[in-house]
Every structure is written in structure tokens, then in C-alpha cells.
Amino acid sequence: MKTRTETRYRQVPHTVNGDTRMVDEEYTVDIPVPPRDWDHTILTSVQAGAAAFVAASVAWTTANVGDLLTQTVAAGVAYPVAVGYDAPWVGCMALEWLARYDADRAHAPRVAGHIALGIAMAAVIVHGFVTGAEAAGIVGAVISALAKGFWTLVMRHTARPLDSRTRQWLLQRRGEVGARLALSGELRQLARVEAQHAAMLASSGQPDPDSPDKDQDEDPGQQDSLPGPARRMILARAASLPNATAEEIAAHLARHGITVTPDAVRTVLDSRSDDTVRPLRPTITDTVKQAVRSGLDADKDREEILSAVRAAHGQKVTRDTVVRILNRLKTAS
């Protein structure tokens, strides 16, 4: 077994005149050396050779096609464009490599690569016939075919196709992740559009016609802070078990990941219109209408109208709410 000597350091105590200190001590160890992995070395060499062969093929095709195109355009334009004859089949080989675990996905870039290779070889042959070197054109075109064939053999050697069931599982997972990614992008765009729409309405002082303005029709203290799903689950649980207590309903929702207090459950149950009949209370809009009907001017007496609304509904009512209601009443009239 082969070994190699490695120098290491360790801390050892050293005493001088009764004073002990920890100092570094150098020592050597023999470490076993694994045998050389000739398979990996050979594969790496073959891959490097294939990559070099592809690069040489691209250079050869570019030189031939570029020389052919210089008969009609300047060399500064012809040679960069000539790269495009080998770039497609090289790119298709890269896509085929990325799909080496899925034979179905690798099929399309493989077919497209062969078509692009045929076009590049035809361009090289045409250059040979135009310049009077037919044999050189044919032999030069074979270089591209050999480069692609060489790299195709390398990919087939390293590819590890998956079995049918694993491919189906991977396809489903890829679809789910792709759907979430696409949905995230679309939701982000929708949020941006909605924000722009809200900003436009706010800048013009217009109310949003698509969403109810709760601060216009309800008292701030009467608004329910529970989210919609929690309210619906409370009502559904109460309907399925009419005798369930608020504590039992809260515990049931907690098991489903929704945290509510028993008091909140009682508030939702007490607010059901089919169980309790409560006297109607005028909304903020009703109070504003009553103030205008009493003789206050919608433009000149806005402070008096705001004071009347706050006296009836509390100090949480904002000036913007009253102004929006007044503008809406003026538009309606």
C-alpha cells in the first residue's frame, strides 16, 4: 500500500524554570494513498478531447463559411455570422446533456442538433465547390460530423436514463414546481397592477368600485377582525354541531391550524342574522346624508359634518372617509 508523509503540528507542554507553556511541536504521519482512478482519468481526458474537437470544428466551419460570406459582405460581419452555423448544434448538444437523465426530453434537442449539423456541413461543402476545392469541402464537412459523433458517444457513456416510474414521478414534480413558479410570477404581476390601480384611484380621490368601503358603512369598532376562512369554519362547525361550546369550536379550529379565542367564536355566533335580531344602527353614510339634508353645505361645512359624524360614530372616523362620501353624493346627485 502506498503512503505519503504529511507534516502536522500539535500543542505540547514545555517547562522552563518551573513555568510551563503550551508550544507547537512538529511531527510527521504516513497517510495511505488510494490507488489511482484510471477510469476517471481516462473519462476526463476523453471529455477534454471531445470539447477540444468541437472547438476545432467550430473554428473550421467559421473559417470556411466566413470566407464564403465575404464575397457579399465585409469580413467583420461575415465571420461573426458564420459562427451561427455551428452554434445551434453545439447548443443542442448542451441541452441534450442537461436532459441526460430523461430520454424523452433529450429527444427533441438530439433531432434538432442533427438538422443543424447537416446545415453546417452543407455550408462547408458549398464553400469547397465555390472555391474549386470540392474534396477539401467534403473532407472539411466531415470534421463537424466527427466532432458531434465523438461528443454523442461521450454523452451516451455518462448518461444515466431513469426508469419509467421514476421519470413519471420526476415529470409530476417538475410540473408542480413549475406551476408554483409560474403562479408566483403571475401573482406578483397582478399585485403590481392592483397597486397601480389603487394609486391611480387615490391620486384622483375616487373610491374603489370593486371593493366595499367598510369604513363608510360601518363603525370602526363594529368591524370583525377575523379572516374569512376562520369565520366560515366557525359557522360550519356550529352548523354541524349545534350544541358545541365556543371553547370546543376554538379547539377544533386550532387542530386545523387556525387560532381563535373563545370570545371571538362567541362574537361570530352572536352576529348571525338568523339567530339574533338587533336594532339597525345608522351607517356613516346615513349620518352624512342626514347632515346634508339638515342644511349643511357639502363643500363649505365639511368640518361641521365631520364633527357630527364623529359624535355619532366615534373619533376613529377619518376626514378622508367623510370627504369620499360627500364626493360620491355630489356625483350621484
Protein backbone atom coordinates (compact mmCIF):
# COMPACT_ATOMS: atom_id res chain seq x y z
CA MET A 1 0.00 0.00 0.00
CA LYS A 2 1.34 3.40 -0.97
CA THR A 3 1.61 6.13 1.64
CA ARG A 4 2.64 9.74 1.70
CA THR A 5 4.31 11.60 4.55
CA GLU A 6 2.48 14.63 5.90
CA THR A 7 3.83 17.16 8.39
CA ARG A 8 1.49 18.21 11.18
CA TYR A 9 1.67 20.28 14.38
CA ARG A 10 0.37 19.67 17.87
CA GLN A 11 0.41 21.53 21.20
CA VAL A 12 2.71 20.09 23.87
CA PRO A 13 3.68 21.41 27.32
CA HIS A 14 7.18 22.86 27.72
CA THR A 15 8.62 23.98 31.07
CA VAL A 16 11.44 26.47 31.63
CA ASN A 17 12.41 27.48 35.17
CA GLY A 18 9.21 26.00 36.52
CA ASP A 19 7.00 27.96 34.05
CA THR A 20 5.04 25.59 31.80
CA ARG A 21 3.73 26.79 28.46
CA MET A 22 1.98 25.08 25.53
CA VAL A 23 4.13 25.20 22.40
CA ASP A 24 3.87 23.77 18.87
CA GLU A 25 5.63 20.53 18.08
CA GLU A 26 6.18 19.32 14.55
CA TYR A 27 5.64 15.64 13.73
CA THR A 28 5.04 13.52 10.66
CA VAL A 29 2.44 10.89 9.84
CA ASP A 30 2.14 8.40 7.00
CA ILE A 31 -1.21 8.67 5.23
CA PRO A 32 -2.45 5.88 2.94
CA VAL A 33 -2.77 6.97 -0.69
CA PRO A 34 -5.71 5.47 -2.61
CA PRO A 35 -4.91 3.82 -5.92
CA ARG A 36 -5.18 5.99 -8.99
CA ASP A 37 -8.66 6.05 -10.52
CA TRP A 38 -7.72 5.38 -14.11
CA ASP A 39 -11.37 5.20 -15.20
CA HIS A 40 -11.98 8.75 -14.06
CA THR A 41 -8.69 9.93 -15.54
CA ILE A 42 -9.48 8.39 -18.92
CA LEU A 43 -13.04 9.74 -18.93
CA THR A 44 -11.79 13.23 -18.07
CA SER A 45 -9.25 13.06 -20.88
CA VAL A 46 -11.86 11.89 -23.36
CA GLN A 47 -14.24 14.69 -22.36
CA ALA A 48 -11.46 17.25 -22.72
CA GLY A 49 -10.58 15.82 -26.14
CA ALA A 50 -14.19 15.91 -27.27
CA ALA A 51 -14.55 19.53 -26.15
CA ALA A 52 -11.33 20.46 -27.99
CA PHE A 53 -12.54 18.64 -31.11
CA VAL A 54 -15.83 20.56 -31.02
CA ALA A 55 -13.94 23.85 -30.64
CA ALA A 56 -11.74 22.95 -33.64
CA SER A 57 -14.84 22.07 -35.66
CA VAL A 58 -16.44 25.42 -34.85
CA ALA A 59 -13.25 27.22 -35.88
CA TRP A 60 -13.05 25.26 -39.15
CA THR A 61 -16.70 25.87 -40.08
CA THR A 62 -16.40 29.56 -39.16
CA ALA A 63 -13.33 29.96 -41.37
CA ASN A 64 -14.99 28.27 -44.38
CA VAL A 65 -18.42 29.85 -44.13
CA GLY A 66 -16.92 33.23 -43.22
CA ASP A 67 -14.75 33.13 -46.35
CA LEU A 68 -17.83 32.23 -48.37
CA LEU A 69 -19.85 35.12 -46.95
CA THR A 70 -17.07 37.66 -47.54
CA GLN A 71 -17.98 37.51 -51.22
CA THR A 72 -21.11 39.53 -50.42
CA VAL A 73 -20.45 41.27 -47.08
CA ALA A 74 -17.50 42.68 -45.15
CA ALA A 75 -15.31 40.28 -43.20
CA GLY A 76 -16.22 41.97 -39.89
CA VAL A 77 -19.81 40.90 -40.48
CA ALA A 78 -19.24 37.60 -42.30
CA TYR A 79 -17.14 35.78 -39.72
CA PRO A 80 -19.29 36.56 -36.64
CA VAL A 81 -22.35 35.43 -38.61
CA ALA A 82 -20.53 32.26 -39.71
CA VAL A 83 -20.30 31.18 -36.07
CA GLY A 84 -24.08 30.74 -36.18
CA TYR A 85 -23.75 27.67 -38.40
CA ASP A 86 -22.11 25.53 -35.72
CA ALA A 87 -23.55 27.27 -32.64
CA PRO A 88 -27.04 25.68 -32.98
CA TRP A 89 -25.90 22.04 -32.96
CA VAL A 90 -23.40 22.75 -30.19
CA GLY A 91 -26.20 24.35 -28.14
CA CYS A 92 -28.46 21.37 -28.85
CA MET A 93 -25.77 19.04 -27.54
CA ALA A 94 -25.64 21.11 -24.35
CA LEU A 95 -29.43 20.79 -23.94
CA GLU A 96 -29.17 17.06 -24.61
CA TRP A 97 -26.53 16.82 -21.89
CA LEU A 98 -28.77 18.63 -19.40
CA ALA A 99 -31.58 16.17 -20.20
CA ARG A 100 -29.33 13.09 -19.98
CA TYR A 101 -31.47 11.60 -17.20
CA ASP A 102 -34.69 11.88 -19.23
CA ALA A 103 -34.63 10.27 -22.67
CA ASP A 104 -37.94 11.88 -23.68
CA ARG A 105 -36.68 15.41 -23.05
CA ALA A 106 -33.36 14.70 -24.73
CA HIS A 107 -35.03 13.51 -27.96
CA ALA A 108 -36.02 16.95 -29.29
CA PRO A 109 -32.58 18.62 -28.93
CA ARG A 110 -30.95 15.48 -30.40
CA VAL A 111 -33.08 15.68 -33.57
CA ALA A 112 -32.65 19.46 -33.83
CA GLY A 113 -28.88 19.03 -33.40
CA HIS A 114 -28.66 16.60 -36.32
CA ILE A 115 -30.62 19.00 -38.53
CA ALA A 116 -28.37 21.94 -37.56
CA LEU A 117 -25.29 19.77 -38.17
CA GLY A 118 -26.50 18.92 -41.69
CA ILE A 119 -26.94 22.63 -42.47
CA ALA A 120 -23.43 23.45 -41.21
CA MET A 121 -21.90 20.59 -43.24
CA ALA A 122 -23.75 21.73 -46.37
CA ALA A 123 -22.36 25.26 -45.94
CA VAL A 124 -18.80 23.92 -45.76
CA ILE A 125 -19.34 21.75 -48.87
CA VAL A 126 -20.78 24.72 -50.77
CA HIS A 127 -17.68 26.74 -49.90
CA GLY A 128 -15.48 23.97 -51.30
CA PHE A 129 -17.38 23.87 -54.59
CA VAL A 130 -17.40 27.68 -54.91
CA THR A 131 -13.65 27.89 -54.39
CA GLY A 132 -12.93 24.93 -56.69
CA ALA A 133 -11.77 22.67 -53.83
CA GLU A 134 -14.55 20.12 -53.80
CA ALA A 135 -12.57 17.45 -52.00
CA ALA A 136 -11.50 19.88 -49.28
CA GLY A 137 -15.10 20.97 -48.80
CA ILE A 138 -16.33 17.39 -48.38
CA VAL A 139 -13.49 16.37 -46.08
CA GLY A 140 -13.88 19.57 -44.07
CA ALA A 141 -17.59 18.95 -43.61
CA VAL A 142 -16.84 15.53 -42.15
CA ILE A 143 -14.93 17.25 -39.33
CA SER A 144 -18.20 18.60 -37.90
CA ALA A 145 -19.83 15.17 -38.16
CA LEU A 146 -16.89 13.55 -36.37
CA ALA A 147 -16.96 16.18 -33.61
CA LYS A 148 -20.66 15.69 -32.97
CA GLY A 149 -20.39 11.91 -33.15
CA PHE A 150 -17.46 11.91 -30.72
CA TRP A 151 -19.34 14.06 -28.19
CA THR A 152 -22.51 11.98 -28.64
CA LEU A 153 -20.58 8.85 -27.64
CA VAL A 154 -19.26 10.64 -24.56
CA MET A 155 -22.78 11.68 -23.53
CA ARG A 156 -24.15 8.17 -24.03
CA HIS A 157 -21.37 6.79 -21.85
CA THR A 158 -22.08 9.21 -19.00
CA ALA A 159 -25.88 9.39 -19.32
CA ARG A 160 -27.93 7.58 -16.70
CA PRO A 161 -31.52 7.29 -18.00
CA LEU A 162 -34.16 6.85 -15.33
CA ASP A 163 -36.70 4.06 -15.28
CA SER A 164 -40.27 4.72 -16.41
CA ARG A 165 -41.80 5.14 -12.94
CA THR A 166 -39.07 7.48 -11.75
CA ARG A 167 -39.41 9.57 -14.93
CA GLN A 168 -43.16 9.89 -14.32
CA TRP A 169 -42.58 10.91 -10.71
CA LEU A 170 -39.98 13.47 -11.80
CA LEU A 171 -42.31 14.80 -14.50
CA GLN A 172 -45.11 15.33 -11.98
CA ARG A 173 -42.77 17.04 -9.51
CA ARG A 174 -41.34 19.24 -12.26
CA GLY A 175 -44.85 20.22 -13.31
CA GLU A 176 -45.88 21.08 -9.75
CA VAL A 177 -42.78 23.18 -9.10
CA GLY A 178 -43.10 24.86 -12.49
CA ALA A 179 -46.76 25.67 -11.81
CA ARG A 180 -45.86 27.25 -8.45
CA LEU A 181 -43.11 29.26 -10.10
CA ALA A 182 -45.43 30.47 -12.87
CA LEU A 183 -48.20 31.25 -10.37
CA SER A 184 -45.79 33.26 -8.22
CA GLY A 185 -44.79 35.35 -11.21
CA GLU A 186 -48.38 35.95 -12.28
CA LEU A 187 -49.46 36.86 -8.74
CA ARG A 188 -46.57 39.30 -8.50
CA GLN A 189 -47.69 40.97 -11.73
CA LEU A 190 -51.31 41.08 -10.54
CA ALA A 191 -50.21 42.66 -7.26
CA ARG A 192 -48.26 45.28 -9.20
CA VAL A 193 -51.27 46.08 -11.40
CA GLU A 194 -53.59 46.27 -8.38
CA ALA A 195 -51.14 48.61 -6.63
CA GLN A 196 -51.03 50.85 -9.71
CA HIS A 197 -54.82 50.85 -9.86
CA ALA A 198 -55.11 51.74 -6.18
CA ALA A 199 -52.53 54.52 -6.59
CA MET A 200 -54.47 55.96 -9.53
CA LEU A 201 -57.73 55.95 -7.56
CA ALA A 202 -56.05 57.51 -4.54
CA SER A 203 -54.46 60.28 -6.62
CA SER A 204 -57.82 61.16 -8.18
CA GLY A 205 -59.81 60.85 -4.94
CA GLN A 206 -62.11 58.17 -6.38
CA PRO A 207 -63.40 55.24 -4.30
CA ASP A 208 -62.54 51.69 -5.38
CA PRO A 209 -65.71 50.30 -7.05
CA ASP A 210 -64.52 46.69 -6.78
CA SER A 211 -64.14 46.50 -3.00
CA PRO A 212 -66.63 47.52 -0.29
CA ASP A 213 -65.58 50.55 1.71
CA LYS A 214 -66.25 49.28 5.20
CA ASP A 215 -65.27 52.49 6.88
CA GLN A 216 -68.09 54.22 5.01
CA ASP A 217 -70.88 51.91 6.08
CA GLU A 218 -69.78 50.51 9.43
CA ASP A 219 -68.47 51.79 12.67
CA PRO A 220 -64.74 51.18 13.12
CA GLY A 221 -65.46 49.38 16.37
CA GLN A 222 -68.01 47.08 14.71
CA GLN A 223 -65.66 45.65 12.06
CA ASP A 224 -64.78 41.99 12.55
CA SER A 225 -61.03 41.39 12.64
CA LEU A 226 -61.35 37.65 11.93
CA PRO A 227 -60.25 36.48 8.46
CA GLY A 228 -62.82 34.94 6.13
CA PRO A 229 -61.64 31.30 6.46
CA ALA A 230 -61.82 31.42 10.26
CA ARG A 231 -65.35 32.86 10.20
CA ARG A 232 -66.51 30.25 7.70
CA MET A 233 -65.06 27.38 9.72
CA ILE A 234 -66.68 28.68 12.91
CA LEU A 235 -70.08 28.84 11.22
CA ALA A 236 -69.60 25.42 9.60
CA ARG A 237 -68.62 23.81 12.88
CA ALA A 238 -71.54 25.41 14.68
CA ALA A 239 -73.92 24.18 11.97
CA SER A 240 -72.63 20.59 12.18
CA LEU A 241 -72.64 20.54 15.99
CA PRO A 242 -75.28 22.98 17.23
CA ASN A 243 -74.59 22.13 20.89
CA ALA A 244 -70.81 22.70 20.68
CA THR A 245 -69.43 25.33 23.05
CA ALA A 246 -67.21 28.22 21.99
CA GLU A 247 -64.24 26.51 23.64
CA GLU A 248 -64.85 23.28 21.67
CA ILE A 249 -65.12 25.18 18.38
CA ALA A 250 -61.91 27.10 19.14
CA ALA A 251 -60.12 23.82 19.93
CA HIS A 252 -61.41 22.29 16.68
CA LEU A 253 -60.06 25.22 14.63
CA ALA A 254 -56.72 25.04 16.44
CA ARG A 255 -56.32 21.44 15.23
CA HIS A 256 -56.71 22.79 11.68
CA GLY A 257 -54.07 25.49 12.15
CA ILE A 258 -56.45 28.43 12.82
CA THR A 259 -56.03 30.11 16.19
CA VAL A 260 -59.05 31.96 17.55
CA THR A 261 -60.19 32.74 21.07
CA PRO A 262 -63.49 31.50 22.51
CA ASP A 263 -64.61 35.15 22.80
CA ALA A 264 -64.06 35.61 19.07
CA VAL A 265 -66.13 32.47 18.42
CA ARG A 266 -68.95 33.85 20.56
CA THR A 267 -68.79 37.17 18.67
CA VAL A 268 -69.19 35.39 15.32
CA LEU A 269 -72.02 33.19 16.61
CA ASP A 270 -73.82 36.17 18.14
CA SER A 271 -73.59 38.09 14.84
CA ARG A 272 -75.55 35.52 12.86
CA SER A 273 -78.56 37.26 11.40
CA ASP A 274 -80.73 34.15 11.61
CA ASP A 275 -80.22 33.77 15.36
CA THR A 276 -80.31 37.29 16.71
CA VAL A 277 -82.37 40.30 15.70
CA ARG A 278 -80.66 43.56 16.59
CA PRO A 279 -81.86 47.10 16.07
CA LEU A 280 -80.44 48.67 12.96
CA ARG A 281 -77.89 51.43 13.54
CA PRO A 282 -77.37 54.21 11.00
CA THR A 283 -74.19 53.92 8.98
CA ILE A 284 -71.68 56.70 8.44
CA THR A 285 -73.18 57.30 5.01
CA ASP A 286 -76.64 57.71 6.57
CA THR A 287 -75.28 60.23 9.08
CA VAL A 288 -73.59 62.25 6.31
CA LYS A 289 -76.80 62.26 4.27
CA GLN A 290 -78.79 63.42 7.31
CA ALA A 291 -76.34 66.26 7.94
CA VAL A 292 -76.62 67.45 4.35
CA ARG A 293 -80.42 67.22 4.46
CA SER A 294 -80.40 69.31 7.63
CA GLY A 295 -78.94 72.25 5.72
CA LEU A 296 -75.15 71.83 5.97
CA ASP A 297 -73.29 72.56 2.74
CA ALA A 298 -71.24 69.65 1.34
CA ASP A 299 -68.37 71.97 0.36
CA LYS A 300 -68.36 74.79 2.94
CA ASP A 301 -69.47 72.91 6.08
CA ARG A 302 -67.26 69.83 5.89
CA GLU A 303 -65.80 70.38 9.36
CA GLU A 304 -69.29 70.56 10.89
CA ILE A 305 -70.32 67.41 9.02
CA LEU A 306 -67.16 65.62 10.22
CA SER A 307 -67.90 66.66 13.81
CA ALA A 308 -71.45 65.34 13.53
CA VAL A 309 -70.25 62.01 12.13
CA ARG A 310 -67.64 61.60 14.85
CA ALA A 311 -70.19 62.43 17.51
CA ALA A 312 -72.39 59.62 16.22
CA HIS A 313 -69.76 57.00 15.32
CA GLY A 314 -66.63 57.80 17.29
CA GLN A 315 -63.37 59.61 16.75
CA LYS A 316 -61.94 56.80 14.60
CA VAL A 317 -63.82 58.08 11.56
CA THR A 318 -61.27 59.80 9.28
CA ARG A 319 -61.71 63.02 7.37
CA ASP A 320 -60.93 61.18 4.09
CA THR A 321 -63.89 58.86 4.67
CA VAL A 322 -66.32 61.75 5.05
CA VAL A 323 -64.83 63.56 2.03
CA ARG A 324 -65.22 60.46 -0.15
CA ILE A 325 -68.84 60.06 0.89
CA LEU A 326 -69.57 63.73 0.16
CA ASN A 327 -67.92 63.50 -3.28
CA ARG A 328 -69.90 60.36 -4.03
CA LEU A 329 -73.18 62.05 -3.00
CA LYS A 330 -72.37 65.03 -5.17
CA THR A 331 -71.67 62.78 -8.16
CA ALA A 332 -74.87 60.82 -7.59
CA SER A 333 -76.94 63.98 -7.44
